[in-house]
Amino acid sequence: MRPAYSFWNTKGRTNKLNKLKRWVVALAGAVAFSIAMITGVSANTLGIDVASYQGTTTSYFNSFKQVGDNFTIVKLGGRGGGEGSHYSNPKATTLMQLACKQVATSGVNLVIQ
């Protein structure tokens, strides 16, 4: 017999998707932490984060590299906030490719509120 109330979503498929999302977020965090440890990135390292409204050209990323930025974080999407719905960055693939070519260290994030 299932309890009347559960902290976790108990809607079958939705529950599995939520668990998958938590694992993806945890894995992305672990990968980012590992990269930071290996490359020596510290809190004093300059970098940028980009989302769908930023530029998607090589010159855009070069401009940040020229002023000393050492890493780029690309927003994949998010959930929550004022809109209360899921958001997927339509330019994420392009931004990740440019970031990997132009910047020493690149990572991704997924915002969940």
N, C-alpha and C. Protein backbone atom coordinates (compact mmCIF):
# COMPACT_ATOMS: atom_id res chain seq x y z
N MET A 1 0.84 -1.18 0.00
CA MET A 1 0.00 0.00 0.00
C MET A 1 0.88 1.25 0.00
N ARG A 2 0.57 2.19 -0.85
CA ARG A 2 1.33 3.43 -0.96
C ARG A 2 0.87 4.43 0.09
N PRO A 3 1.83 5.23 0.59
CA PRO A 3 1.40 6.28 1.53
C PRO A 3 0.56 7.33 0.82
N ALA A 4 -0.29 8.01 1.58
CA ALA A 4 -1.16 9.03 0.99
C ALA A 4 -0.35 10.21 0.46
N TYR A 5 0.79 10.50 1.08
CA TYR A 5 1.62 11.63 0.66
C TYR A 5 3.08 11.18 0.62
N SER A 6 3.73 11.54 -0.41
CA SER A 6 5.15 11.21 -0.53
C SER A 6 5.91 12.47 -0.90
N PHE A 7 7.09 12.62 -0.34
CA PHE A 7 7.92 13.79 -0.67
C PHE A 7 8.25 13.81 -2.14
N TRP A 8 8.51 12.65 -2.73
CA TRP A 8 8.83 12.56 -4.14
C TRP A 8 7.56 12.40 -4.96
N ASN A 9 7.60 12.85 -6.17
CA ASN A 9 6.46 12.72 -7.08
C ASN A 9 6.17 11.23 -7.29
N THR A 10 4.94 10.82 -7.12
CA THR A 10 4.59 9.40 -7.23
C THR A 10 3.78 9.09 -8.47
N LYS A 11 3.97 9.84 -9.54
CA LYS A 11 3.18 9.64 -10.74
C LYS A 11 3.87 8.74 -11.76
N GLY A 12 4.53 7.71 -11.35
CA GLY A 12 5.11 6.74 -12.27
C GLY A 12 6.17 7.31 -13.19
N ARG A 13 5.80 7.54 -14.43
CA ARG A 13 6.74 8.02 -15.45
C ARG A 13 7.36 9.36 -15.04
N THR A 14 6.55 10.28 -14.52
CA THR A 14 7.05 11.59 -14.10
C THR A 14 8.08 11.42 -13.01
N ASN A 15 7.84 10.49 -12.09
CA ASN A 15 8.78 10.23 -11.02
C ASN A 15 10.12 9.75 -11.58
N LYS A 16 10.08 8.87 -12.58
CA LYS A 16 11.31 8.38 -13.20
C LYS A 16 12.05 9.50 -13.91
N LEU A 17 11.32 10.39 -14.59
CA LEU A 17 11.95 11.52 -15.26
C LEU A 17 12.58 12.47 -14.26
N ASN A 18 11.91 12.70 -13.13
CA ASN A 18 12.48 13.57 -12.10
C ASN A 18 13.76 12.98 -11.53
N LYS A 19 13.78 11.67 -11.32
CA LYS A 19 14.99 11.02 -10.82
C LYS A 19 16.11 11.12 -11.85
N LEU A 20 15.77 10.95 -13.13
CA LEU A 20 16.75 11.09 -14.19
C LEU A 20 17.32 12.50 -14.22
N LYS A 21 16.46 13.50 -14.08
CA LYS A 21 16.91 14.89 -14.07
C LYS A 21 17.87 15.13 -12.91
N ARG A 22 17.53 14.61 -11.74
CA ARG A 22 18.42 14.78 -10.58
C ARG A 22 19.77 14.14 -10.83
N TRP A 23 19.78 12.97 -11.44
CA TRP A 23 21.04 12.29 -11.75
C TRP A 23 21.86 13.09 -12.77
N VAL A 24 21.19 13.62 -13.79
CA VAL A 24 21.88 14.42 -14.81
C VAL A 24 22.50 15.65 -14.18
N VAL A 25 21.75 16.34 -13.33
CA VAL A 25 22.26 17.53 -12.67
C VAL A 25 23.44 17.18 -11.76
N ALA A 26 23.30 16.11 -11.00
CA ALA A 26 24.39 15.70 -10.11
C ALA A 26 25.63 15.31 -10.92
N LEU A 27 25.43 14.60 -12.01
CA LEU A 27 26.55 14.20 -12.86
C LEU A 27 27.23 15.41 -13.48
N ALA A 28 26.44 16.37 -13.96
CA ALA A 28 27.01 17.59 -14.54
C ALA A 28 27.82 18.35 -13.50
N GLY A 29 27.32 18.42 -12.29
CA GLY A 29 28.06 19.08 -11.20
C GLY A 29 29.36 18.36 -10.89
N ALA A 30 29.31 17.03 -10.84
CA ALA A 30 30.52 16.25 -10.56
C ALA A 30 31.55 16.42 -11.67
N VAL A 31 31.10 16.43 -12.92
CA VAL A 31 32.01 16.63 -14.05
C VAL A 31 32.63 18.02 -13.98
N ALA A 32 31.82 19.04 -13.72
CA ALA A 32 32.33 20.41 -13.63
C ALA A 32 33.34 20.54 -12.50
N PHE A 33 33.05 19.93 -11.36
CA PHE A 33 33.98 19.97 -10.24
C PHE A 33 35.28 19.27 -10.59
N SER A 34 35.18 18.11 -11.24
CA SER A 34 36.39 17.37 -11.64
C SER A 34 37.24 18.17 -12.62
N ILE A 35 36.59 18.80 -13.59
CA ILE A 35 37.33 19.63 -14.56
C ILE A 35 38.02 20.77 -13.85
N ALA A 36 37.32 21.41 -12.91
CA ALA A 36 37.91 22.52 -12.17
C ALA A 36 39.13 22.05 -11.37
N MET A 37 39.03 20.88 -10.77
CA MET A 37 40.17 20.36 -9.98
C MET A 37 41.35 20.02 -10.88
N ILE A 38 41.09 19.41 -12.02
CA ILE A 38 42.16 19.00 -12.92
C ILE A 38 42.85 20.20 -13.56
N THR A 39 42.07 21.20 -13.98
CA THR A 39 42.63 22.34 -14.69
C THR A 39 43.09 23.46 -13.76
N GLY A 40 42.80 23.36 -12.49
CA GLY A 40 43.24 24.38 -11.55
C GLY A 40 42.38 25.64 -11.55
N VAL A 41 41.15 25.55 -12.02
CA VAL A 41 40.26 26.70 -12.01
C VAL A 41 39.93 27.05 -10.57
N SER A 42 40.03 28.32 -10.22
CA SER A 42 39.72 28.73 -8.85
C SER A 42 38.62 29.79 -8.87
N ALA A 43 38.25 30.26 -7.71
CA ALA A 43 37.22 31.29 -7.61
C ALA A 43 37.67 32.60 -8.24
N ASN A 44 38.95 32.78 -8.43
CA ASN A 44 39.49 34.01 -9.01
C ASN A 44 39.70 33.90 -10.52
N THR A 45 39.24 32.84 -11.13
CA THR A 45 39.39 32.64 -12.56
C THR A 45 38.27 33.35 -13.30
N LEU A 46 38.64 34.10 -14.35
CA LEU A 46 37.64 34.83 -15.13
C LEU A 46 36.95 33.90 -16.12
N GLY A 47 35.64 34.08 -16.28
CA GLY A 47 34.89 33.29 -17.23
C GLY A 47 33.53 33.91 -17.49
N ILE A 48 32.80 33.32 -18.39
CA ILE A 48 31.47 33.83 -18.75
C ILE A 48 30.46 32.69 -18.74
N ASP A 49 29.20 33.07 -18.60
CA ASP A 49 28.13 32.10 -18.83
C ASP A 49 27.27 32.66 -19.95
N VAL A 50 26.82 31.78 -20.81
CA VAL A 50 26.06 32.20 -21.98
C VAL A 50 24.74 31.43 -22.06
N ALA A 51 23.75 32.10 -22.63
CA ALA A 51 22.43 31.50 -22.84
C ALA A 51 21.99 31.82 -24.26
N SER A 52 20.74 31.59 -24.57
CA SER A 52 20.27 31.73 -25.94
C SER A 52 20.32 33.15 -26.47
N TYR A 53 20.33 34.14 -25.61
CA TYR A 53 20.32 35.52 -26.09
C TYR A 53 21.72 36.06 -26.37
N GLN A 54 22.79 35.30 -26.09
CA GLN A 54 24.15 35.74 -26.41
C GLN A 54 24.49 35.42 -27.86
N GLY A 55 25.60 35.99 -28.31
CA GLY A 55 26.04 35.78 -29.68
C GLY A 55 26.50 34.35 -29.95
N THR A 56 26.42 33.97 -31.21
CA THR A 56 26.84 32.62 -31.60
C THR A 56 27.89 32.68 -32.70
N THR A 57 28.82 33.62 -32.58
CA THR A 57 29.88 33.75 -33.58
C THR A 57 31.24 33.53 -32.92
N THR A 58 32.20 33.17 -33.74
CA THR A 58 33.55 32.97 -33.24
C THR A 58 34.11 34.27 -32.68
N SER A 59 33.83 35.38 -33.34
CA SER A 59 34.35 36.67 -32.87
C SER A 59 33.77 37.04 -31.50
N TYR A 60 32.54 36.65 -31.24
CA TYR A 60 31.93 36.92 -29.93
C TYR A 60 32.73 36.23 -28.83
N PHE A 61 33.05 34.96 -29.02
CA PHE A 61 33.80 34.22 -28.01
C PHE A 61 35.26 34.67 -27.94
N ASN A 62 35.84 35.03 -29.09
CA ASN A 62 37.22 35.54 -29.10
C ASN A 62 37.35 36.81 -28.29
N SER A 63 36.32 37.66 -28.31
CA SER A 63 36.39 38.91 -27.57
C SER A 63 36.56 38.66 -26.07
N PHE A 64 35.95 37.61 -25.55
CA PHE A 64 36.10 37.28 -24.14
C PHE A 64 37.45 36.62 -23.87
N LYS A 65 37.90 35.80 -24.79
CA LYS A 65 39.19 35.15 -24.64
C LYS A 65 40.32 36.19 -24.61
N GLN A 66 40.18 37.25 -25.41
CA GLN A 66 41.20 38.29 -25.48
C GLN A 66 41.33 39.08 -24.18
N VAL A 67 40.27 39.16 -23.39
CA VAL A 67 40.35 39.89 -22.12
C VAL A 67 40.68 38.97 -20.95
N GLY A 68 40.99 37.71 -21.23
CA GLY A 68 41.48 36.81 -20.19
C GLY A 68 40.50 35.81 -19.63
N ASP A 69 39.33 35.66 -20.23
CA ASP A 69 38.40 34.66 -19.72
C ASP A 69 38.92 33.26 -20.01
N ASN A 70 38.83 32.39 -19.00
CA ASN A 70 39.40 31.05 -19.09
C ASN A 70 38.36 29.94 -19.18
N PHE A 71 37.10 30.26 -18.95
CA PHE A 71 36.08 29.21 -19.03
C PHE A 71 34.76 29.79 -19.51
N THR A 72 33.92 28.90 -20.01
CA THR A 72 32.58 29.26 -20.44
C THR A 72 31.60 28.23 -19.91
N ILE A 73 30.48 28.70 -19.37
CA ILE A 73 29.40 27.83 -18.93
C ILE A 73 28.21 28.11 -19.85
N VAL A 74 27.68 27.08 -20.47
CA VAL A 74 26.55 27.22 -21.39
C VAL A 74 25.28 26.75 -20.68
N LYS A 75 24.25 27.60 -20.68
CA LYS A 75 22.96 27.24 -20.08
C LYS A 75 22.22 26.32 -21.04
N LEU A 76 21.92 25.11 -20.58
CA LEU A 76 21.17 24.15 -21.40
C LEU A 76 19.68 24.44 -21.36
N GLY A 77 19.21 24.89 -20.22
CA GLY A 77 17.79 25.14 -20.05
C GLY A 77 17.48 25.29 -18.59
N GLY A 78 16.22 25.16 -18.25
CA GLY A 78 15.85 25.31 -16.86
C GLY A 78 14.41 24.95 -16.61
N ARG A 79 14.06 25.11 -15.35
CA ARG A 79 12.69 24.80 -14.92
C ARG A 79 12.36 25.71 -13.75
N GLY A 80 11.17 26.20 -13.71
CA GLY A 80 10.74 27.02 -12.59
C GLY A 80 10.87 28.50 -12.89
N GLY A 81 11.09 29.27 -11.83
CA GLY A 81 11.19 30.71 -11.99
C GLY A 81 9.82 31.32 -12.23
N GLY A 82 9.82 32.52 -12.76
CA GLY A 82 8.57 33.24 -13.00
C GLY A 82 7.67 32.57 -14.01
N GLU A 83 8.28 31.93 -15.02
CA GLU A 83 7.45 31.31 -16.05
C GLU A 83 6.86 29.97 -15.62
N GLY A 84 7.51 29.29 -14.66
CA GLY A 84 6.98 28.05 -14.11
C GLY A 84 6.97 26.87 -15.06
N SER A 85 7.65 26.97 -16.18
CA SER A 85 7.64 25.87 -17.14
C SER A 85 9.08 25.51 -17.52
N HIS A 86 9.22 24.48 -18.32
CA HIS A 86 10.53 24.05 -18.77
C HIS A 86 11.03 24.96 -19.88
N TYR A 87 12.33 25.18 -19.88
CA TYR A 87 12.96 26.01 -20.89
C TYR A 87 14.12 25.23 -21.48
N SER A 88 14.22 25.18 -22.77
CA SER A 88 15.33 24.52 -23.44
C SER A 88 16.04 25.54 -24.32
N ASN A 89 17.35 25.66 -24.16
CA ASN A 89 18.14 26.62 -24.93
C ASN A 89 18.27 26.13 -26.37
N PRO A 90 17.65 26.80 -27.34
CA PRO A 90 17.71 26.35 -28.73
C PRO A 90 19.10 26.49 -29.36
N LYS A 91 19.96 27.31 -28.75
CA LYS A 91 21.30 27.53 -29.29
C LYS A 91 22.37 26.78 -28.50
N ALA A 92 21.99 25.89 -27.60
CA ALA A 92 22.94 25.22 -26.72
C ALA A 92 24.04 24.47 -27.48
N THR A 93 23.67 23.71 -28.48
CA THR A 93 24.67 22.93 -29.24
C THR A 93 25.69 23.83 -29.89
N THR A 94 25.23 24.88 -30.56
CA THR A 94 26.13 25.82 -31.22
C THR A 94 27.03 26.52 -30.21
N LEU A 95 26.45 26.96 -29.09
CA LEU A 95 27.23 27.64 -28.06
C LEU A 95 28.29 26.71 -27.46
N MET A 96 27.94 25.45 -27.24
CA MET A 96 28.90 24.49 -26.68
C MET A 96 30.05 24.25 -27.65
N GLN A 97 29.74 24.11 -28.93
CA GLN A 97 30.79 23.88 -29.93
C GLN A 97 31.73 25.07 -29.99
N LEU A 98 31.21 26.28 -30.03
CA LEU A 98 32.05 27.47 -30.06
C LEU A 98 32.88 27.60 -28.79
N ALA A 99 32.26 27.34 -27.65
CA ALA A 99 32.97 27.45 -26.38
C ALA A 99 34.13 26.46 -26.32
N CYS A 100 33.91 25.25 -26.77
CA CYS A 100 34.98 24.24 -26.75
C CYS A 100 36.13 24.60 -27.68
N LYS A 101 35.84 25.25 -28.79
CA LYS A 101 36.88 25.64 -29.74
C LYS A 101 37.67 26.85 -29.26
N GLN A 102 36.99 27.79 -28.61
CA GLN A 102 37.61 29.08 -28.32
C GLN A 102 38.14 29.23 -26.90
N VAL A 103 37.63 28.47 -25.96
CA VAL A 103 37.97 28.67 -24.55
C VAL A 103 38.60 27.40 -24.00
N ALA A 104 39.52 27.56 -23.05
CA ALA A 104 40.25 26.42 -22.49
C ALA A 104 39.33 25.42 -21.80
N THR A 105 38.41 25.88 -20.99
CA THR A 105 37.53 25.00 -20.23
C THR A 105 36.08 25.41 -20.48
N SER A 106 35.24 24.43 -20.75
CA SER A 106 33.82 24.70 -20.99
C SER A 106 32.97 23.74 -20.19
N GLY A 107 31.81 24.18 -19.80
CA GLY A 107 30.88 23.35 -19.05
C GLY A 107 29.46 23.75 -19.37
N VAL A 108 28.50 23.08 -18.76
CA VAL A 108 27.09 23.36 -18.97
C VAL A 108 26.38 23.45 -17.64
N ASN A 109 25.22 24.11 -17.64
CA ASN A 109 24.39 24.11 -16.45
C ASN A 109 22.93 24.00 -16.83
N LEU A 110 22.16 23.53 -15.90
CA LEU A 110 20.72 23.40 -16.04
C LEU A 110 20.12 24.02 -14.79
N VAL A 111 19.34 25.07 -14.95
CA VAL A 111 18.82 25.81 -13.81
C VAL A 111 17.47 25.21 -13.40
N ILE A 112 17.37 24.82 -12.13
CA ILE A 112 16.13 24.27 -11.60
C ILE A 112 15.80 25.03 -10.32
N GLN A 113 14.60 25.60 -10.28
CA GLN A 113 14.20 26.36 -9.10
C GLN A 113 13.06 25.69 -8.41
